[in-house]
């Protein structure tokens, strides 16, 4: 009888330990899920920058593939083989990981703290930029940013036509490398 009691006690201890492990695993999954639910797109961009993953970003009518080199607030900058592309995270770009980095990534560095601040940096620059637009018949403009106002930019295209573009309609700005240019 004592042997039966010991066997039942051992079985109960094993069952209890298994149930406790399952409960701990469930709690861990719930905590991870809760953490993911609290994240914003800016958090994802910072994480991608920190890992150094090869990333694809679709915005407006274009898609770009490269590595995130700057991410703060509503701004994410992707370095591609021929350009630097600044994305307005508030415009809803679709981001995917093409390939996980085995090593590398970047730490946060100094730079503009918002998409509007990046646009201000690009005002009246010598090099032309491409501005990707959302919900417009013309999906992009090539030319120069003249000024960044409170809720829009003044843009001058290659034909010297002046455009007034709401900030919320700008999906991205492409800055081409010196040795390349718009496709």
C-alpha atoms as a PDB file:
ATOM      1  CA  UNK A   1       0.000   0.000   0.000  1.00  0.00           C
ATOM      2  CA  UNK A   2       2.840   2.401   0.799  1.00  0.00           C
ATOM      3  CA  UNK A   3       4.382   1.595  -2.586  1.00  0.00           C
ATOM      4  CA  UNK A   4       1.092   2.462  -4.306  1.00  0.00           C
ATOM      5  CA  UNK A   5       0.944   5.747  -2.387  1.00  0.00           C
ATOM      6  CA  UNK A   6       4.545   6.568  -3.355  1.00  0.00           C
ATOM      7  CA  UNK A   7       3.820   5.733  -7.024  1.00  0.00           C
ATOM      8  CA  UNK A   8       0.691   7.912  -7.018  1.00  0.00           C
ATOM      9  CA  UNK A   9       2.618  10.726  -5.323  1.00  0.00           C
ATOM     10  CA  UNK A  10       5.408  10.478  -7.930  1.00  0.00           C
ATOM     11  CA  UNK A  11       2.838  10.526 -10.753  1.00  0.00           C
ATOM     12  CA  UNK A  12       1.109  13.554  -9.209  1.00  0.00           C
ATOM     13  CA  UNK A  13       4.445  15.379  -8.866  1.00  0.00           C
ATOM     14  CA  UNK A  14       5.302  14.597 -12.524  1.00  0.00           C
ATOM     15  CA  UNK A  15       1.861  15.731 -13.703  1.00  0.00           C
ATOM     16  CA  UNK A  16       2.120  18.906 -11.620  1.00  0.00           C
ATOM     17  CA  UNK A  17       5.607  19.700 -12.997  1.00  0.00           C
ATOM     18  CA  UNK A  18       4.393  19.164 -16.587  1.00  0.00           C
ATOM     19  CA  UNK A  19       1.353  21.381 -16.036  1.00  0.00           C
ATOM     20  CA  UNK A  20       3.533  24.078 -14.442  1.00  0.00           C
ATOM     21  CA  UNK A  21       5.933  23.985 -17.437  1.00  0.00           C
ATOM     22  CA  UNK A  22       3.024  24.292 -19.886  1.00  0.00           C
ATOM     23  CA  UNK A  23       1.566  27.171 -17.899  1.00  0.00           C
ATOM     24  CA  UNK A  24       4.946  28.962 -17.862  1.00  0.00           C
ATOM     25  CA  UNK A  25       5.307  28.462 -21.631  1.00  0.00           C
ATOM     26  CA  UNK A  26       1.805  29.860 -22.174  1.00  0.00           C
ATOM     27  CA  UNK A  27       2.601  32.869 -19.978  1.00  0.00           C
ATOM     28  CA  UNK A  28       5.817  33.467 -21.949  1.00  0.00           C
ATOM     29  CA  UNK A  29       3.932  33.331 -25.251  1.00  0.00           C
ATOM     30  CA  UNK A  30       1.263  35.674 -23.890  1.00  0.00           C
ATOM     31  CA  UNK A  31       3.912  38.162 -22.728  1.00  0.00           C
ATOM     32  CA  UNK A  32       5.665  38.065 -26.123  1.00  0.00           C
ATOM     33  CA  UNK A  33       2.337  38.545 -27.902  1.00  0.00           C
ATOM     34  CA  UNK A  34       1.441  41.476 -25.640  1.00  0.00           C
ATOM     35  CA  UNK A  35       4.828  43.074 -26.338  1.00  0.00           C
ATOM     36  CA  UNK A  36       4.291  42.700 -30.113  1.00  0.00           C
ATOM     37  CA  UNK A  37       0.828  44.261 -29.837  1.00  0.00           C
ATOM     38  CA  UNK A  38       2.288  47.344 -28.150  1.00  0.00           C
ATOM     39  CA  UNK A  39       4.862  47.962 -30.891  1.00  0.00           C
ATOM     40  CA  UNK A  40       4.503  50.616 -33.551  1.00  0.00           C
ATOM     41  CA  UNK A  41       5.981  50.682 -37.042  1.00  0.00           C
ATOM     42  CA  UNK A  42       8.769  52.949 -35.751  1.00  0.00           C
ATOM     43  CA  UNK A  43       9.719  50.211 -33.265  1.00  0.00           C
ATOM     44  CA  UNK A  44       9.867  47.668 -36.082  1.00  0.00           C
ATOM     45  CA  UNK A  45      12.070  50.012 -38.143  1.00  0.00           C
ATOM     46  CA  UNK A  46      14.464  50.471 -35.201  1.00  0.00           C
ATOM     47  CA  UNK A  47      14.625  46.717 -34.685  1.00  0.00           C
ATOM     48  CA  UNK A  48      15.394  46.127 -38.378  1.00  0.00           C
ATOM     49  CA  UNK A  49      18.158  48.749 -38.213  1.00  0.00           C
ATOM     50  CA  UNK A  50      19.638  47.123 -35.117  1.00  0.00           C
ATOM     51  CA  UNK A  51      19.689  43.674 -36.721  1.00  0.00           C
ATOM     52  CA  UNK A  52      20.896  44.795 -40.174  1.00  0.00           C
ATOM     53  CA  UNK A  53      18.371  42.662 -42.061  1.00  0.00           C
ATOM     54  CA  UNK A  54      17.929  43.035 -45.811  1.00  0.00           C
ATOM     55  CA  UNK A  55      14.530  44.682 -46.016  1.00  0.00           C
ATOM     56  CA  UNK A  56      11.993  45.358 -48.765  1.00  0.00           C
ATOM     57  CA  UNK A  57       9.721  48.377 -48.465  1.00  0.00           C
ATOM     58  CA  UNK A  58       6.725  49.057 -50.708  1.00  0.00           C
ATOM     59  CA  UNK A  59       5.337  52.589 -50.737  1.00  0.00           C
ATOM     60  CA  UNK A  60       3.336  54.440 -53.339  1.00  0.00           C
ATOM     61  CA  UNK A  61       3.902  52.638 -56.630  1.00  0.00           C
ATOM     62  CA  UNK A  62       7.489  51.557 -55.851  1.00  0.00           C
ATOM     63  CA  UNK A  63       9.346  48.922 -53.936  1.00  0.00           C
ATOM     64  CA  UNK A  64      12.899  49.257 -52.601  1.00  0.00           C
ATOM     65  CA  UNK A  65      15.272  46.690 -51.122  1.00  0.00           C
ATOM     66  CA  UNK A  66      18.206  47.469 -48.870  1.00  0.00           C
ATOM     67  CA  UNK A  67      19.267  47.951 -45.265  1.00  0.00           C
ATOM     68  CA  UNK A  68      17.710  50.292 -42.712  1.00  0.00           C
ATOM     69  CA  UNK A  69      20.369  52.837 -41.701  1.00  0.00           C
ATOM     70  CA  UNK A  70      18.264  55.370 -39.759  1.00  0.00           C
ATOM     71  CA  UNK A  71      15.001  55.006 -37.866  1.00  0.00           C
ATOM     72  CA  UNK A  72      13.412  57.490 -35.499  1.00  0.00           C
ATOM     73  CA  UNK A  73       9.854  58.732 -35.050  1.00  0.00           C
ATOM     74  CA  UNK A  74       8.010  58.734 -38.379  1.00  0.00           C
ATOM     75  CA  UNK A  75      11.246  58.472 -40.427  1.00  0.00           C
ATOM     76  CA  UNK A  76      12.999  55.358 -41.718  1.00  0.00           C
ATOM     77  CA  UNK A  77      15.951  55.545 -44.140  1.00  0.00           C
ATOM     78  CA  UNK A  78      16.831  52.609 -46.353  1.00  0.00           C
ATOM     79  CA  UNK A  79      20.187  52.343 -48.113  1.00  0.00           C
ATOM     80  CA  UNK A  80      19.895  50.564 -51.472  1.00  0.00           C
ATOM     81  CA  UNK A  81      22.591  49.866 -54.048  1.00  0.00           C
ATOM     82  CA  UNK A  82      21.917  53.143 -55.884  1.00  0.00           C
ATOM     83  CA  UNK A  83      20.071  55.446 -53.495  1.00  0.00           C
ATOM     84  CA  UNK A  84      19.028  56.457 -50.000  1.00  0.00           C
ATOM     85  CA  UNK A  85      15.258  56.316 -49.541  1.00  0.00           C
ATOM     86  CA  UNK A  86      13.571  58.177 -46.687  1.00  0.00           C
ATOM     87  CA  UNK A  87      10.142  56.768 -45.802  1.00  0.00           C
ATOM     88  CA  UNK A  88       7.269  58.533 -44.104  1.00  0.00           C
ATOM     89  CA  UNK A  89       6.177  55.806 -41.667  1.00  0.00           C
ATOM     90  CA  UNK A  90       2.887  57.666 -41.137  1.00  0.00           C
ATOM     91  CA  UNK A  91       2.110  57.081 -44.837  1.00  0.00           C
ATOM     92  CA  UNK A  92       1.919  53.326 -44.221  1.00  0.00           C
ATOM     93  CA  UNK A  93       4.770  51.651 -46.099  1.00  0.00           C
ATOM     94  CA  UNK A  94       4.631  47.848 -46.227  1.00  0.00           C
ATOM     95  CA  UNK A  95       7.842  46.369 -44.843  1.00  0.00           C
ATOM     96  CA  UNK A  96       9.140  42.818 -45.184  1.00  0.00           C
ATOM     97  CA  UNK A  97      12.347  41.046 -44.214  1.00  0.00           C
ATOM     98  CA  UNK A  98      14.002  39.597 -47.314  1.00  0.00           C
ATOM     99  CA  UNK A  99      16.943  38.054 -45.464  1.00  0.00           C
ATOM    100  CA  UNK A 100      17.883  37.995 -41.807  1.00  0.00           C
ATOM    101  CA  UNK A 101      21.377  39.280 -41.093  1.00  0.00           C
ATOM    102  CA  UNK A 102      23.749  36.826 -39.461  1.00  0.00           C
ATOM    103  CA  UNK A 103      25.637  39.699 -37.843  1.00  0.00           C
ATOM    104  CA  UNK A 104      25.884  43.456 -38.025  1.00  0.00           C
ATOM    105  CA  UNK A 105      23.215  46.064 -37.758  1.00  0.00           C
ATOM    106  CA  UNK A 106      23.523  49.643 -36.598  1.00  0.00           C
ATOM    107  CA  UNK A 107      23.171  51.529 -33.385  1.00  0.00           C
ATOM    108  CA  UNK A 108      21.070  54.683 -33.392  1.00  0.00           C
ATOM    109  CA  UNK A 109      23.114  57.638 -34.621  1.00  0.00           C
ATOM    110  CA  UNK A 110      22.510  61.323 -34.886  1.00  0.00           C
ATOM    111  CA  UNK A 111      20.298  62.510 -37.695  1.00  0.00           C
ATOM    112  CA  UNK A 112      16.912  64.072 -38.297  1.00  0.00           C
ATOM    113  CA  UNK A 113      14.268  63.122 -35.768  1.00  0.00           C
ATOM    114  CA  UNK A 114      11.282  63.158 -38.133  1.00  0.00           C
ATOM    115  CA  UNK A 115      10.294  62.872 -41.786  1.00  0.00           C
ATOM    116  CA  UNK A 116       9.605  66.619 -41.932  1.00  0.00           C
ATOM    117  CA  UNK A 117      13.068  67.328 -40.500  1.00  0.00           C
ATOM    118  CA  UNK A 118      14.607  65.179 -43.264  1.00  0.00           C
ATOM    119  CA  UNK A 119      12.640  67.140 -45.859  1.00  0.00           C
ATOM    120  CA  UNK A 120      13.959  70.389 -44.381  1.00  0.00           C
ATOM    121  CA  UNK A 121      17.500  69.046 -44.759  1.00  0.00           C
ATOM    122  CA  UNK A 122      16.824  68.445 -48.452  1.00  0.00           C
ATOM    123  CA  UNK A 123      15.444  71.920 -49.206  1.00  0.00           C
ATOM    124  CA  UNK A 124      17.070  73.651 -52.167  1.00  0.00           C
ATOM    125  CA  UNK A 125      19.756  71.008 -52.429  1.00  0.00           C
ATOM    126  CA  UNK A 126      21.889  70.749 -55.531  1.00  0.00           C
ATOM    127  CA  UNK A 127      20.843  67.181 -56.263  1.00  0.00           C
ATOM    128  CA  UNK A 128      17.413  66.271 -57.578  1.00  0.00           C
ATOM    129  CA  UNK A 129      15.211  63.966 -55.530  1.00  0.00           C
ATOM    130  CA  UNK A 130      12.228  61.795 -56.351  1.00  0.00           C
ATOM    131  CA  UNK A 131       9.141  62.254 -54.180  1.00  0.00           C
ATOM    132  CA  UNK A 132       6.745  59.296 -54.076  1.00  0.00           C
ATOM    133  CA  UNK A 133       3.101  60.298 -53.743  1.00  0.00           C
ATOM    134  CA  UNK A 134       0.077  58.481 -52.371  1.00  0.00           C
ATOM    135  CA  UNK A 135      -3.331  58.506 -54.031  1.00  0.00           C
ATOM    136  CA  UNK A 136      -2.316  60.680 -56.967  1.00  0.00           C
ATOM    137  CA  UNK A 137      -2.599  60.159 -60.721  1.00  0.00           C
ATOM    138  CA  UNK A 138       1.086  61.013 -60.972  1.00  0.00           C
ATOM    139  CA  UNK A 139       2.839  58.551 -58.605  1.00  0.00           C
ATOM    140  CA  UNK A 140       6.070  60.532 -58.229  1.00  0.00           C
ATOM    141  CA  UNK A 141       7.777  63.838 -58.932  1.00  0.00           C
ATOM    142  CA  UNK A 142      11.444  64.457 -59.746  1.00  0.00           C
ATOM    143  CA  UNK A 143      13.047  67.778 -58.985  1.00  0.00           C
ATOM    144  CA  UNK A 144      13.916  69.879 -55.935  1.00  0.00           C
ATOM    145  CA  UNK A 145      12.293  70.564 -52.583  1.00  0.00           C
ATOM    146  CA  UNK A 146      12.084  74.320 -52.247  1.00  0.00           C
ATOM    147  CA  UNK A 147      10.609  74.553 -48.758  1.00  0.00           C
ATOM    148  CA  UNK A 148       8.972  72.413 -46.095  1.00  0.00           C
ATOM    149  CA  UNK A 149       5.993  74.183 -44.549  1.00  0.00           C
ATOM    150  CA  UNK A 150       3.893  73.117 -41.549  1.00  0.00           C
ATOM    151  CA  UNK A 151       1.635  70.761 -43.494  1.00  0.00           C
ATOM    152  CA  UNK A 152       3.056  70.636 -47.028  1.00  0.00           C
ATOM    153  CA  UNK A 153       6.161  71.022 -49.168  1.00  0.00           C
ATOM    154  CA  UNK A 154       6.776  73.296 -52.111  1.00  0.00           C
ATOM    155  CA  UNK A 155       8.361  71.187 -54.825  1.00  0.00           C
ATOM    156  CA  UNK A 156       9.723  72.294 -58.195  1.00  0.00           C
ATOM    157  CA  UNK A 157       9.833  69.571 -60.841  1.00  0.00           C
ATOM    158  CA  UNK A 158      12.332  69.284 -63.685  1.00  0.00           C
ATOM    159  CA  UNK A 159      10.085  71.344 -65.944  1.00  0.00           C
ATOM    160  CA  UNK A 160      10.135  74.187 -63.353  1.00  0.00           C
ATOM    161  CA  UNK A 161       6.486  73.552 -62.432  1.00  0.00           C
ATOM    162  CA  UNK A 162       5.739  74.337 -58.785  1.00  0.00           C
ATOM    163  CA  UNK A 163       3.798  71.776 -56.735  1.00  0.00           C
ATOM    164  CA  UNK A 164       2.257  72.114 -53.267  1.00  0.00           C
ATOM    165  CA  UNK A 165       2.197  68.618 -51.764  1.00  0.00           C
ATOM    166  CA  UNK A 166       0.597  67.778 -48.384  1.00  0.00           C
ATOM    167  CA  UNK A 167       3.088  66.018 -46.082  1.00  0.00           C
ATOM    168  CA  UNK A 168       0.599  63.193 -45.543  1.00  0.00           C
ATOM    169  CA  UNK A 169       0.644  62.428 -49.289  1.00  0.00           C
ATOM    170  CA  UNK A 170       4.412  61.913 -49.425  1.00  0.00           C
ATOM    171  CA  UNK A 171       5.301  58.229 -49.062  1.00  0.00           C
ATOM    172  CA  UNK A 172       9.045  58.521 -49.644  1.00  0.00           C
ATOM    173  CA  UNK A 173      11.876  60.685 -50.925  1.00  0.00           C
ATOM    174  CA  UNK A 174      14.697  59.126 -52.927  1.00  0.00           C
ATOM    175  CA  UNK A 175      18.161  60.655 -52.870  1.00  0.00           C
ATOM    176  CA  UNK A 176      20.212  59.117 -55.686  1.00  0.00           C
ATOM    177  CA  UNK A 177      23.889  58.344 -55.229  1.00  0.00           C
ATOM    178  CA  UNK A 178      26.274  60.567 -57.202  1.00  0.00           C
ATOM    179  CA  UNK A 179      27.177  57.734 -59.587  1.00  0.00           C
ATOM    180  CA  UNK A 180      23.564  56.779 -60.338  1.00  0.00           C
ATOM    181  CA  UNK A 181      20.338  58.583 -61.026  1.00  0.00           C
ATOM    182  CA  UNK A 182      16.632  58.070 -61.420  1.00  0.00           C
ATOM    183  CA  UNK A 183      15.723  54.948 -63.365  1.00  0.00           C
END
